Amino acid sequence: MDNASKVLVDAGVNPPEAPQPPAPIRTSDSTSSQTSSRRSTRGTRILGLSSRSPAISPNPLPLLLKRAPSKKVESFVCQICFNDEPNLQTLALDCDHAFCKDCWNDYTIPKIKDESEHAIRCMAEGCALLSPDSFIRDLLLPAPGAPVGDPEKEALNAKAWTRFQELLVRHYVGCNKNLKFCPYPSCTNTVSCPSAASKSSLATIVPSVSCGARGIGSEGQEMTRSQQLGRGLQGKEHKFCFGCPIESDHRPVICAVAKMWLKKCRDDSETANWIKSNTKECSHCQSTIEKNGGCK
């Protein structure tokens, strides 16, 4: 709260504000008249004419503007691909860093597809402004009534938009302590359990939950009753513990004790494997012994 604008800029929500020009210095009437007379004198000196000449206007500023050469309107040039076509379609965020649509497309799709990035920042160097969801949608999906373009490119953009929505959902579920994805393979259901969101509550309850799915096919869709009967999945619910990564139901043992027990079982199994590999039983007393000397 000490510097809210800086926090928003660092988070990529708002663009940095331009520095404000210094406020003009207020002067008295005599000082302003002297300043104006000095400015008019300087103006006539720039033109190389005398201030007593009757052909000179008392205010030389319009004369200077008339003599200044007019600036030509420069065409847009993308700073990434250096394309300067006159009909080039450009896109820009609130930071006004404009680039062509093709560069935005080539930058956004790998971010979503390869890097699984849901926060697409501006392409300009040093700019951390995030692209809103509406900007990504307008970039990847064609506008209603727009002419049909390359079918292969539009299909690729549609897949990228679907992947982008999945990344947004996963990020939201990961940031919300009350939500959790079902750990079963190919299951995309989400479970809400506010009573097990805090660590203190896990000391008294075992949050065994079910996502509601009774059978998930290879394509990630919930199967019908006939498909479940054909594969023997009738009544097989996806039950798991909401408070820990243990997928099986470990009631009535709480999560902390169940983790310690599984860790102890893993340690004991490793000890048994080492004993089996490095020791043998004594032929007289049947005790486990290790050879540490003598001939091989």
C-alpha atoms as a PDB file:
ATOM      1  CA  MET A   1       0.000   0.000   0.000  1.00  0.00           C
ATOM      2  CA  ASP A   2       3.002   2.364   0.301  1.00  0.00           C
ATOM      3  CA  ASN A   3       3.463   2.485  -3.482  1.00  0.00           C
ATOM      4  CA  ALA A   4       0.469   0.854  -5.153  1.00  0.00           C
ATOM      5  CA  SER A   5       1.335   2.042  -8.669  1.00  0.00           C
ATOM      6  CA  LYS A   6       4.810   0.446  -8.489  1.00  0.00           C
ATOM      7  CA  VAL A   7       3.324  -2.858  -7.336  1.00  0.00           C
ATOM      8  CA  LEU A   8       0.888  -2.851 -10.270  1.00  0.00           C
ATOM      9  CA  VAL A   9       3.666  -2.057 -12.741  1.00  0.00           C
ATOM     10  CA  ASP A  10       5.908  -4.827 -11.361  1.00  0.00           C
ATOM     11  CA  ALA A  11       3.007  -7.290 -11.575  1.00  0.00           C
ATOM     12  CA  GLY A  12       2.414  -6.354 -15.220  1.00  0.00           C
ATOM     13  CA  VAL A  13      -1.062  -4.938 -14.660  1.00  0.00           C
ATOM     14  CA  ASN A  14      -0.499  -1.262 -15.510  1.00  0.00           C
ATOM     15  CA  PRO A  15       2.052   0.326 -17.841  1.00  0.00           C
ATOM     16  CA  PRO A  16       4.577   2.698 -16.273  1.00  0.00           C
ATOM     17  CA  GLU A  17       3.446   6.290 -16.199  1.00  0.00           C
ATOM     18  CA  ALA A  18       5.303   8.889 -18.244  1.00  0.00           C
ATOM     19  CA  PRO A  19       7.258  11.466 -16.201  1.00  0.00           C
ATOM     20  CA  GLN A  20       5.283  14.636 -15.593  1.00  0.00           C
ATOM     21  CA  PRO A  21       6.728  17.878 -17.022  1.00  0.00           C
ATOM     22  CA  PRO A  22       7.913  20.419 -14.460  1.00  0.00           C
ATOM     23  CA  ALA A  23       5.348  22.973 -13.355  1.00  0.00           C
ATOM     24  CA  PRO A  24       5.780  26.484 -14.803  1.00  0.00           C
ATOM     25  CA  ILE A  25       7.288  29.111 -12.527  1.00  0.00           C
ATOM     26  CA  ARG A  26       4.922  31.928 -11.670  1.00  0.00           C
ATOM     27  CA  THR A  27       6.357  35.441 -12.064  1.00  0.00           C
ATOM     28  CA  SER A  28       5.116  38.972 -11.543  1.00  0.00           C
ATOM     29  CA  ASP A  29       3.809  41.217 -14.320  1.00  0.00           C
ATOM     30  CA  SER A  30       7.027  43.161 -14.626  1.00  0.00           C
ATOM     31  CA  THR A  31       9.084  40.004 -14.856  1.00  0.00           C
ATOM     32  CA  SER A  32       6.736  38.486 -17.429  1.00  0.00           C
ATOM     33  CA  SER A  33       6.876  41.639 -19.564  1.00  0.00           C
ATOM     34  CA  GLN A  34      10.658  41.580 -19.453  1.00  0.00           C
ATOM     35  CA  THR A  35      10.679  37.892 -20.347  1.00  0.00           C
ATOM     36  CA  SER A  36       8.340  38.460 -23.277  1.00  0.00           C
ATOM     37  CA  SER A  37      10.449  41.336 -24.560  1.00  0.00           C
ATOM     38  CA  ARG A  38      13.549  39.167 -24.315  1.00  0.00           C
ATOM     39  CA  ARG A  39      11.840  36.335 -26.168  1.00  0.00           C
ATOM     40  CA  SER A  40      10.727  38.666 -28.960  1.00  0.00           C
ATOM     41  CA  THR A  41      14.219  40.064 -29.295  1.00  0.00           C
ATOM     42  CA  ARG A  42      15.665  36.565 -29.506  1.00  0.00           C
ATOM     43  CA  GLY A  43      13.119  35.671 -32.141  1.00  0.00           C
ATOM     44  CA  THR A  44      14.114  38.521 -34.361  1.00  0.00           C
ATOM     45  CA  ARG A  45      17.761  37.677 -33.946  1.00  0.00           C
ATOM     46  CA  ILE A  46      17.129  34.147 -35.152  1.00  0.00           C
ATOM     47  CA  LEU A  47      15.476  35.528 -38.273  1.00  0.00           C
ATOM     48  CA  GLY A  48      18.362  37.952 -38.794  1.00  0.00           C
ATOM     49  CA  LEU A  49      16.065  41.017 -39.030  1.00  0.00           C
ATOM     50  CA  SER A  50      15.857  44.221 -37.053  1.00  0.00           C
ATOM     51  CA  SER A  51      13.074  44.734 -34.543  1.00  0.00           C
ATOM     52  CA  ARG A  52      12.471  48.278 -35.954  1.00  0.00           C
ATOM     53  CA  SER A  53      11.518  47.017 -39.384  1.00  0.00           C
ATOM     54  CA  PRO A  54       7.818  47.726 -40.057  1.00  0.00           C
ATOM     55  CA  ALA A  55       7.418  44.518 -42.089  1.00  0.00           C
ATOM     56  CA  ILE A  56       8.036  42.346 -39.057  1.00  0.00           C
ATOM     57  CA  SER A  57       5.070  41.140 -37.041  1.00  0.00           C
ATOM     58  CA  PRO A  58       5.240  41.985 -33.321  1.00  0.00           C
ATOM     59  CA  ASN A  59       4.931  38.268 -32.553  1.00  0.00           C
ATOM     60  CA  PRO A  60       7.625  36.338 -34.473  1.00  0.00           C
ATOM     61  CA  LEU A  61       6.246  32.879 -33.576  1.00  0.00           C
ATOM     62  CA  PRO A  62       3.820  32.582 -36.536  1.00  0.00           C
ATOM     63  CA  LEU A  63       6.610  33.617 -38.877  1.00  0.00           C
ATOM     64  CA  LEU A  64       8.841  30.874 -37.487  1.00  0.00           C
ATOM     65  CA  LEU A  65       6.066  28.289 -37.920  1.00  0.00           C
ATOM     66  CA  LYS A  66       5.524  29.295 -41.526  1.00  0.00           C
ATOM     67  CA  ARG A  67       9.177  28.921 -42.364  1.00  0.00           C
ATOM     68  CA  ALA A  68       9.583  25.563 -40.582  1.00  0.00           C
ATOM     69  CA  PRO A  69       9.596  22.615 -43.016  1.00  0.00           C
ATOM     70  CA  SER A  70       6.647  20.227 -42.731  1.00  0.00           C
ATOM     71  CA  LYS A  71       7.407  16.736 -41.422  1.00  0.00           C
ATOM     72  CA  LYS A  72       6.446  13.748 -43.533  1.00  0.00           C
ATOM     73  CA  VAL A  73       4.305  11.053 -41.952  1.00  0.00           C
ATOM     74  CA  GLU A  74       6.519   7.993 -41.649  1.00  0.00           C
ATOM     75  CA  SER A  75       5.067   4.549 -42.346  1.00  0.00           C
ATOM     76  CA  PHE A  76       4.982   1.944 -39.584  1.00  0.00           C
ATOM     77  CA  VAL A  77       7.934  -0.464 -39.417  1.00  0.00           C
ATOM     78  CA  CYS A  78       7.750  -3.495 -37.133  1.00  0.00           C
ATOM     79  CA  GLN A  79      10.780  -3.491 -34.857  1.00  0.00           C
ATOM     80  CA  ILE A  80      11.022  -7.313 -34.913  1.00  0.00           C
ATOM     81  CA  CYS A  81      10.573  -8.373 -38.546  1.00  0.00           C
ATOM     82  CA  PHE A  82      11.092  -4.870 -40.064  1.00  0.00           C
ATOM     83  CA  ASN A  83       8.018  -5.259 -42.221  1.00  0.00           C
ATOM     84  CA  ASP A  84       6.777  -1.901 -43.548  1.00  0.00           C
ATOM     85  CA  GLU A  85       3.885  -2.879 -45.811  1.00  0.00           C
ATOM     86  CA  PRO A  86       1.184  -0.195 -45.993  1.00  0.00           C
ATOM     87  CA  ASN A  87      -1.658  -2.607 -45.124  1.00  0.00           C
ATOM     88  CA  LEU A  88       0.211  -4.190 -42.203  1.00  0.00           C
ATOM     89  CA  GLN A  89      -2.044  -5.080 -39.273  1.00  0.00           C
ATOM     90  CA  THR A  90      -0.552  -4.006 -35.964  1.00  0.00           C
ATOM     91  CA  LEU A  91      -1.429  -4.763 -32.339  1.00  0.00           C
ATOM     92  CA  ALA A  92      -0.365  -3.042 -29.124  1.00  0.00           C
ATOM     93  CA  LEU A  93      -1.128  -3.217 -25.420  1.00  0.00           C
ATOM     94  CA  ASP A  94      -1.765  -0.228 -23.166  1.00  0.00           C
ATOM     95  CA  CYS A  95       1.972   0.466 -23.223  1.00  0.00           C
ATOM     96  CA  ASP A  96       1.646   1.483 -26.931  1.00  0.00           C
ATOM     97  CA  HIS A  97       4.459  -0.865 -28.032  1.00  0.00           C
ATOM     98  CA  ALA A  98       3.064  -1.771 -31.453  1.00  0.00           C
ATOM     99  CA  PHE A  99       4.166  -4.836 -33.431  1.00  0.00           C
ATOM    100  CA  CYS A 100       2.705  -6.616 -36.416  1.00  0.00           C
ATOM    101  CA  LYS A 101       0.128  -9.347 -35.876  1.00  0.00           C
ATOM    102  CA  ASP A 102       2.333 -12.070 -37.384  1.00  0.00           C
ATOM    103  CA  CYS A 103       5.105 -11.359 -34.851  1.00  0.00           C
ATOM    104  CA  TRP A 104       2.597 -11.385 -32.014  1.00  0.00           C
ATOM    105  CA  ASN A 105       1.269 -14.722 -33.272  1.00  0.00           C
ATOM    106  CA  ASP A 106       4.736 -16.279 -33.633  1.00  0.00           C
ATOM    107  CA  TYR A 107       5.610 -15.063 -30.128  1.00  0.00           C
ATOM    108  CA  THR A 108       2.412 -16.133 -28.351  1.00  0.00           C
ATOM    109  CA  ILE A 109       1.868 -19.667 -29.690  1.00  0.00           C
ATOM    110  CA  PRO A 110       5.288 -21.062 -28.582  1.00  0.00           C
ATOM    111  CA  LYS A 111       4.820 -19.417 -25.192  1.00  0.00           C
ATOM    112  CA  ILE A 112       1.551 -21.303 -24.730  1.00  0.00           C
ATOM    113  CA  LYS A 113       2.375 -24.564 -26.488  1.00  0.00           C
ATOM    114  CA  ASP A 114       6.028 -25.158 -25.574  1.00  0.00           C
ATOM    115  CA  GLU A 115       6.560 -23.185 -22.358  1.00  0.00           C
ATOM    116  CA  SER A 116       3.033 -23.644 -20.906  1.00  0.00           C
ATOM    117  CA  GLU A 117       2.985 -19.942 -20.108  1.00  0.00           C
ATOM    118  CA  HIS A 118      -0.340 -18.338 -19.205  1.00  0.00           C
ATOM    119  CA  ALA A 119       1.102 -14.853 -18.553  1.00  0.00           C
ATOM    120  CA  ILE A 120       2.115 -13.439 -21.945  1.00  0.00           C
ATOM    121  CA  ARG A 121       4.123 -10.241 -21.490  1.00  0.00           C
ATOM    122  CA  CYS A 122       4.819  -7.471 -23.974  1.00  0.00           C
ATOM    123  CA  MET A 123       7.527  -8.175 -26.552  1.00  0.00           C
ATOM    124  CA  ALA A 124       9.236  -4.822 -26.039  1.00  0.00           C
ATOM    125  CA  GLU A 125      12.519  -4.940 -24.152  1.00  0.00           C
ATOM    126  CA  GLY A 126      12.132  -3.897 -20.525  1.00  0.00           C
ATOM    127  CA  CYS A 127       8.309  -3.887 -20.651  1.00  0.00           C
ATOM    128  CA  ALA A 128       6.584  -6.286 -18.245  1.00  0.00           C
ATOM    129  CA  LEU A 129       2.963  -5.488 -19.127  1.00  0.00           C
ATOM    130  CA  LEU A 130       0.778  -8.609 -19.268  1.00  0.00           C
ATOM    131  CA  SER A 131      -1.566  -9.329 -22.158  1.00  0.00           C
ATOM    132  CA  PRO A 132      -5.216  -9.590 -21.029  1.00  0.00           C
ATOM    133  CA  ASP A 133      -7.305 -12.595 -21.990  1.00  0.00           C
ATOM    134  CA  SER A 134      -9.321 -10.537 -24.479  1.00  0.00           C
ATOM    135  CA  PHE A 135      -6.112  -9.587 -26.311  1.00  0.00           C
ATOM    136  CA  ILE A 136      -5.035 -13.245 -26.624  1.00  0.00           C
ATOM    137  CA  ARG A 137      -8.524 -14.236 -27.799  1.00  0.00           C
ATOM    138  CA  ASP A 138      -8.632 -11.539 -30.493  1.00  0.00           C
ATOM    139  CA  LEU A 139      -5.124 -12.538 -31.574  1.00  0.00           C
ATOM    140  CA  LEU A 140      -5.735 -16.287 -31.915  1.00  0.00           C
ATOM    141  CA  LEU A 141      -9.406 -16.468 -32.899  1.00  0.00           C
ATOM    142  CA  PRO A 142     -10.780 -14.804 -36.062  1.00  0.00           C
ATOM    143  CA  ALA A 143     -13.271 -12.002 -35.609  1.00  0.00           C
ATOM    144  CA  PRO A 144     -16.932 -12.703 -36.508  1.00  0.00           C
ATOM    145  CA  GLY A 145     -17.467 -12.039 -40.199  1.00  0.00           C
ATOM    146  CA  ALA A 146     -13.747 -11.925 -40.985  1.00  0.00           C
ATOM    147  CA  PRO A 147     -12.586 -13.489 -44.269  1.00  0.00           C
ATOM    148  CA  VAL A 148     -11.487 -17.105 -44.093  1.00  0.00           C
ATOM    149  CA  GLY A 149      -7.703 -17.408 -43.890  1.00  0.00           C
ATOM    150  CA  ASP A 150      -5.326 -20.352 -43.877  1.00  0.00           C
ATOM    151  CA  PRO A 151      -7.253 -23.353 -42.420  1.00  0.00           C
ATOM    152  CA  GLU A 152      -4.096 -24.946 -41.018  1.00  0.00           C
ATOM    153  CA  LYS A 153      -3.054 -21.741 -39.270  1.00  0.00           C
ATOM    154  CA  GLU A 154      -6.535 -21.161 -37.849  1.00  0.00           C
ATOM    155  CA  ALA A 155      -6.629 -24.723 -36.502  1.00  0.00           C
ATOM    156  CA  LEU A 156      -3.249 -24.194 -34.833  1.00  0.00           C
ATOM    157  CA  ASN A 157      -4.474 -20.945 -33.291  1.00  0.00           C
ATOM    158  CA  ALA A 158      -7.657 -22.634 -32.035  1.00  0.00           C
ATOM    159  CA  LYS A 159      -5.595 -25.363 -30.321  1.00  0.00           C
ATOM    160  CA  ALA A 160      -3.391 -22.702 -28.742  1.00  0.00           C
ATOM    161  CA  TRP A 161      -6.454 -20.860 -27.415  1.00  0.00           C
ATOM    162  CA  THR A 162      -7.831 -24.097 -25.915  1.00  0.00           C
ATOM    163  CA  ARG A 163      -4.457 -24.786 -24.290  1.00  0.00           C
ATOM    164  CA  PHE A 164      -4.349 -21.217 -22.979  1.00  0.00           C
ATOM    165  CA  GLN A 165      -7.720 -21.678 -21.273  1.00  0.00           C
ATOM    166  CA  GLU A 166      -6.500 -24.925 -19.682  1.00  0.00           C
ATOM    167  CA  LEU A 167      -3.417 -23.146 -18.334  1.00  0.00           C
ATOM    168  CA  LEU A 168      -5.589 -20.411 -16.841  1.00  0.00           C
ATOM    169  CA  VAL A 169      -7.765 -23.011 -15.089  1.00  0.00           C
ATOM    170  CA  ARG A 170      -4.732 -24.886 -13.752  1.00  0.00           C
ATOM    171  CA  HIS A 171      -3.199 -21.669 -12.476  1.00  0.00           C
ATOM    172  CA  TYR A 172      -6.453 -20.723 -10.753  1.00  0.00           C
ATOM    173  CA  VAL A 173      -6.811 -24.144  -9.125  1.00  0.00           C
ATOM    174  CA  GLY A 174      -3.165 -24.093  -8.039  1.00  0.00           C
ATOM    175  CA  CYS A 175      -3.590 -20.693  -6.365  1.00  0.00           C
ATOM    176  CA  ASN A 176      -6.838 -21.655  -4.602  1.00  0.00           C
ATOM    177  CA  LYS A 177      -6.323 -23.747  -1.448  1.00  0.00           C
ATOM    178  CA  ASN A 178      -9.944 -24.916  -1.519  1.00  0.00           C
ATOM    179  CA  LEU A 179      -9.560 -26.607  -4.928  1.00  0.00           C
ATOM    180  CA  LYS A 180      -7.586 -29.611  -6.079  1.00  0.00           C
ATOM    181  CA  PHE A 181      -7.416 -31.653  -9.277  1.00  0.00           C
ATOM    182  CA  CYS A 182      -8.225 -35.339  -9.234  1.00  0.00           C
ATOM    183  CA  PRO A 183      -4.925 -37.288  -9.313  1.00  0.00           C
ATOM    184  CA  TYR A 184      -6.334 -40.129 -11.433  1.00  0.00           C
ATOM    185  CA  PRO A 185      -4.848 -40.333 -14.963  1.00  0.00           C
ATOM    186  CA  SER A 186      -6.850 -38.562 -17.709  1.00  0.00           C
ATOM    187  CA  CYS A 187      -9.294 -37.132 -15.162  1.00  0.00           C
ATOM    188  CA  THR A 188      -9.785 -33.364 -15.347  1.00  0.00           C
ATOM    189  CA  ASN A 189     -12.361 -32.993 -12.571  1.00  0.00           C
ATOM    190  CA  THR A 190     -11.766 -30.602  -9.694  1.00  0.00           C
ATOM    191  CA  VAL A 191     -12.787 -31.083  -6.056  1.00  0.00           C
ATOM    192  CA  SER A 192     -13.566 -28.306  -3.588  1.00  0.00           C
ATOM    193  CA  CYS A 193     -12.943 -28.992   0.119  1.00  0.00           C
ATOM    194  CA  PRO A 194     -12.733 -25.778   2.218  1.00  0.00           C
ATOM    195  CA  SER A 195     -12.685 -27.720   5.495  1.00  0.00           C
ATOM    196  CA  ALA A 196      -9.267 -29.211   4.645  1.00  0.00           C
ATOM    197  CA  ALA A 197      -7.647 -26.046   3.254  1.00  0.00           C
ATOM    198  CA  SER A 198      -5.671 -25.246   6.431  1.00  0.00           C
ATOM    199  CA  LYS A 199      -2.907 -27.365   7.994  1.00  0.00           C
ATOM    200  CA  SER A 200      -4.488 -27.139  11.448  1.00  0.00           C
ATOM    201  CA  SER A 201      -7.637 -28.896  10.231  1.00  0.00           C
ATOM    202  CA  LEU A 202      -5.613 -31.863   8.933  1.00  0.00           C
ATOM    203  CA  ALA A 203      -4.626 -32.719  12.530  1.00  0.00           C
ATOM    204  CA  THR A 204      -8.205 -33.703  13.361  1.00  0.00           C
ATOM    205  CA  ILE A 205      -9.836 -34.888  10.112  1.00  0.00           C
ATOM    206  CA  VAL A 206      -8.980 -37.116   7.166  1.00  0.00           C
ATOM    207  CA  PRO A 207     -10.407 -35.374   4.061  1.00  0.00           C
ATOM    208  CA  SER A 208     -11.201 -38.345   1.824  1.00  0.00           C
ATOM    209  CA  VAL A 209     -13.067 -36.994  -1.195  1.00  0.00           C
ATOM    210  CA  SER A 210     -14.364 -38.170  -4.563  1.00  0.00           C
ATOM    211  CA  CYS A 211     -14.343 -36.202  -7.819  1.00  0.00           C
ATOM    212  CA  GLY A 212     -17.652 -37.746  -8.923  1.00  0.00           C
ATOM    213  CA  ALA A 213     -16.247 -39.632 -11.918  1.00  0.00           C
ATOM    214  CA  ARG A 214     -16.739 -43.400 -12.050  1.00  0.00           C
ATOM    215  CA  GLY A 215     -14.669 -44.162 -15.125  1.00  0.00           C
ATOM    216  CA  ILE A 216     -12.464 -42.112 -17.435  1.00  0.00           C
ATOM    217  CA  GLY A 217     -11.763 -43.184 -20.989  1.00  0.00           C
ATOM    218  CA  SER A 218      -8.535 -42.794 -22.909  1.00  0.00           C
ATOM    219  CA  GLU A 219      -9.704 -39.452 -24.331  1.00  0.00           C
ATOM    220  CA  GLY A 220     -10.268 -37.953 -20.878  1.00  0.00           C
ATOM    221  CA  GLN A 221     -14.084 -38.073 -21.091  1.00  0.00           C
ATOM    222  CA  GLU A 222     -16.324 -39.683 -18.505  1.00  0.00           C
ATOM    223  CA  MET A 223     -17.652 -42.985 -19.842  1.00  0.00           C
ATOM    224  CA  THR A 224     -21.303 -43.953 -20.016  1.00  0.00           C
ATOM    225  CA  ARG A 225     -22.887 -46.729 -17.961  1.00  0.00           C
ATOM    226  CA  SER A 226     -22.662 -49.225 -20.852  1.00  0.00           C
ATOM    227  CA  GLN A 227     -18.961 -48.461 -21.326  1.00  0.00           C
ATOM    228  CA  GLN A 228     -18.365 -48.883 -17.609  1.00  0.00           C
ATOM    229  CA  LEU A 229     -20.121 -52.265 -17.614  1.00  0.00           C
ATOM    230  CA  GLY A 230     -18.061 -53.355 -20.624  1.00  0.00           C
ATOM    231  CA  ARG A 231     -14.791 -52.489 -18.898  1.00  0.00           C
ATOM    232  CA  GLY A 232     -15.754 -53.564 -15.423  1.00  0.00           C
ATOM    233  CA  LEU A 233     -15.610 -50.069 -13.960  1.00  0.00           C
ATOM    234  CA  GLN A 234     -19.096 -49.893 -12.506  1.00  0.00           C
ATOM    235  CA  GLY A 235     -19.034 -48.369  -9.026  1.00  0.00           C
ATOM    236  CA  LYS A 236     -15.305 -47.562  -9.136  1.00  0.00           C
ATOM    237  CA  GLU A 237     -15.165 -43.978  -7.932  1.00  0.00           C
ATOM    238  CA  HIS A 238     -12.113 -41.754  -7.941  1.00  0.00           C
ATOM    239  CA  LYS A 239     -11.441 -41.394  -4.232  1.00  0.00           C
ATOM    240  CA  PHE A 240      -8.329 -39.718  -2.866  1.00  0.00           C
ATOM    241  CA  CYS A 241      -7.125 -37.699   0.106  1.00  0.00           C
ATOM    242  CA  PHE A 242      -7.501 -33.942  -0.276  1.00  0.00           C
ATOM    243  CA  GLY A 243      -4.873 -33.089   2.352  1.00  0.00           C
ATOM    244  CA  CYS A 244      -1.881 -35.130   1.134  1.00  0.00           C
ATOM    245  CA  PRO A 245      -0.532 -36.775  -2.046  1.00  0.00           C
ATOM    246  CA  ILE A 246      -1.606 -40.241  -0.858  1.00  0.00           C
ATOM    247  CA  GLU A 247      -4.119 -41.465  -3.402  1.00  0.00           C
ATOM    248  CA  SER A 248      -5.519 -44.325  -1.322  1.00  0.00           C
ATOM    249  CA  ASP A 249      -7.940 -43.920   1.549  1.00  0.00           C
ATOM    250  CA  HIS A 250      -5.866 -43.953   4.767  1.00  0.00           C
ATOM    251  CA  ARG A 251      -8.635 -43.387   7.308  1.00  0.00           C
ATOM    252  CA  PRO A 252      -8.629 -43.256  10.336  1.00  0.00           C
ATOM    253  CA  VAL A 253      -4.910 -42.312  10.306  1.00  0.00           C
ATOM    254  CA  ILE A 254      -4.343 -38.592   9.776  1.00  0.00           C
ATOM    255  CA  CYS A 255      -2.164 -37.347   6.923  1.00  0.00           C
ATOM    256  CA  ALA A 256       0.956 -36.610   8.967  1.00  0.00           C
ATOM    257  CA  VAL A 257       1.035 -40.078  10.550  1.00  0.00           C
ATOM    258  CA  ALA A 258       0.301 -41.747   7.203  1.00  0.00           C
ATOM    259  CA  LYS A 259       3.263 -39.948   5.612  1.00  0.00           C
ATOM    260  CA  MET A 260       5.573 -41.043   8.437  1.00  0.00           C
ATOM    261  CA  TRP A 261       4.369 -44.638   8.145  1.00  0.00           C
ATOM    262  CA  LEU A 262       4.939 -44.775   4.388  1.00  0.00           C
ATOM    263  CA  LYS A 263       8.388 -43.246   4.811  1.00  0.00           C
ATOM    264  CA  LYS A 264       9.255 -45.855   7.427  1.00  0.00           C
ATOM    265  CA  CYS A 265       8.065 -48.629   5.134  1.00  0.00           C
ATOM    266  CA  ARG A 266      10.227 -47.299   2.289  1.00  0.00           C
ATOM    267  CA  ASP A 267      13.274 -47.069   4.567  1.00  0.00           C
ATOM    268  CA  ASP A 268      12.744 -50.592   5.897  1.00  0.00           C
ATOM    269  CA  SER A 269      12.390 -51.991   2.398  1.00  0.00           C
ATOM    270  CA  GLU A 270      15.654 -50.371   1.336  1.00  0.00           C
ATOM    271  CA  THR A 271      17.359 -51.823   4.410  1.00  0.00           C
ATOM    272  CA  ALA A 272      16.042 -55.266   3.549  1.00  0.00           C
ATOM    273  CA  ASN A 273      17.322 -54.919  -0.025  1.00  0.00           C
ATOM    274  CA  TRP A 274      20.801 -53.945   1.226  1.00  0.00           C
ATOM    275  CA  ILE A 275      20.918 -56.869   3.665  1.00  0.00           C
ATOM    276  CA  LYS A 276      19.902 -59.264   0.923  1.00  0.00           C
ATOM    277  CA  SER A 277      22.587 -57.939  -1.447  1.00  0.00           C
ATOM    278  CA  ASN A 278      25.540 -57.606   0.980  1.00  0.00           C
ATOM    279  CA  THR A 279      25.052 -60.280   3.678  1.00  0.00           C
ATOM    280  CA  LYS A 280      24.234 -63.954   4.081  1.00  0.00           C
ATOM    281  CA  GLU A 281      23.014 -66.240   6.844  1.00  0.00           C
ATOM    282  CA  CYS A 282      25.437 -68.089   9.113  1.00  0.00           C
ATOM    283  CA  SER A 283      25.469 -71.834   8.471  1.00  0.00           C
ATOM    284  CA  HIS A 284      25.453 -72.637  12.208  1.00  0.00           C
ATOM    285  CA  CYS A 285      23.231 -70.057  13.952  1.00  0.00           C
ATOM    286  CA  GLN A 286      21.334 -68.688  10.901  1.00  0.00           C
ATOM    287  CA  SER A 287      22.196 -65.094  11.865  1.00  0.00           C
ATOM    288  CA  THR A 288      22.814 -62.463   9.209  1.00  0.00           C
ATOM    289  CA  ILE A 289      26.548 -61.900   8.803  1.00  0.00           C
ATOM    290  CA  GLU A 290      28.737 -59.713   6.546  1.00  0.00           C
ATOM    291  CA  LYS A 291      32.131 -60.760   5.274  1.00  0.00           C
ATOM    292  CA  ASN A 292      34.724 -58.083   5.999  1.00  0.00           C
ATOM    293  CA  GLY A 293      38.036 -59.904   5.547  1.00  0.00           C
ATOM    294  CA  GLY A 294      39.822 -63.060   4.421  1.00  0.00           C
ATOM    295  CA  CYS A 295      40.283 -64.426   0.948  1.00  0.00           C
ATOM    296  CA  LYS A 296      37.776 -63.735  -1.752  1.00  0.00           C
END
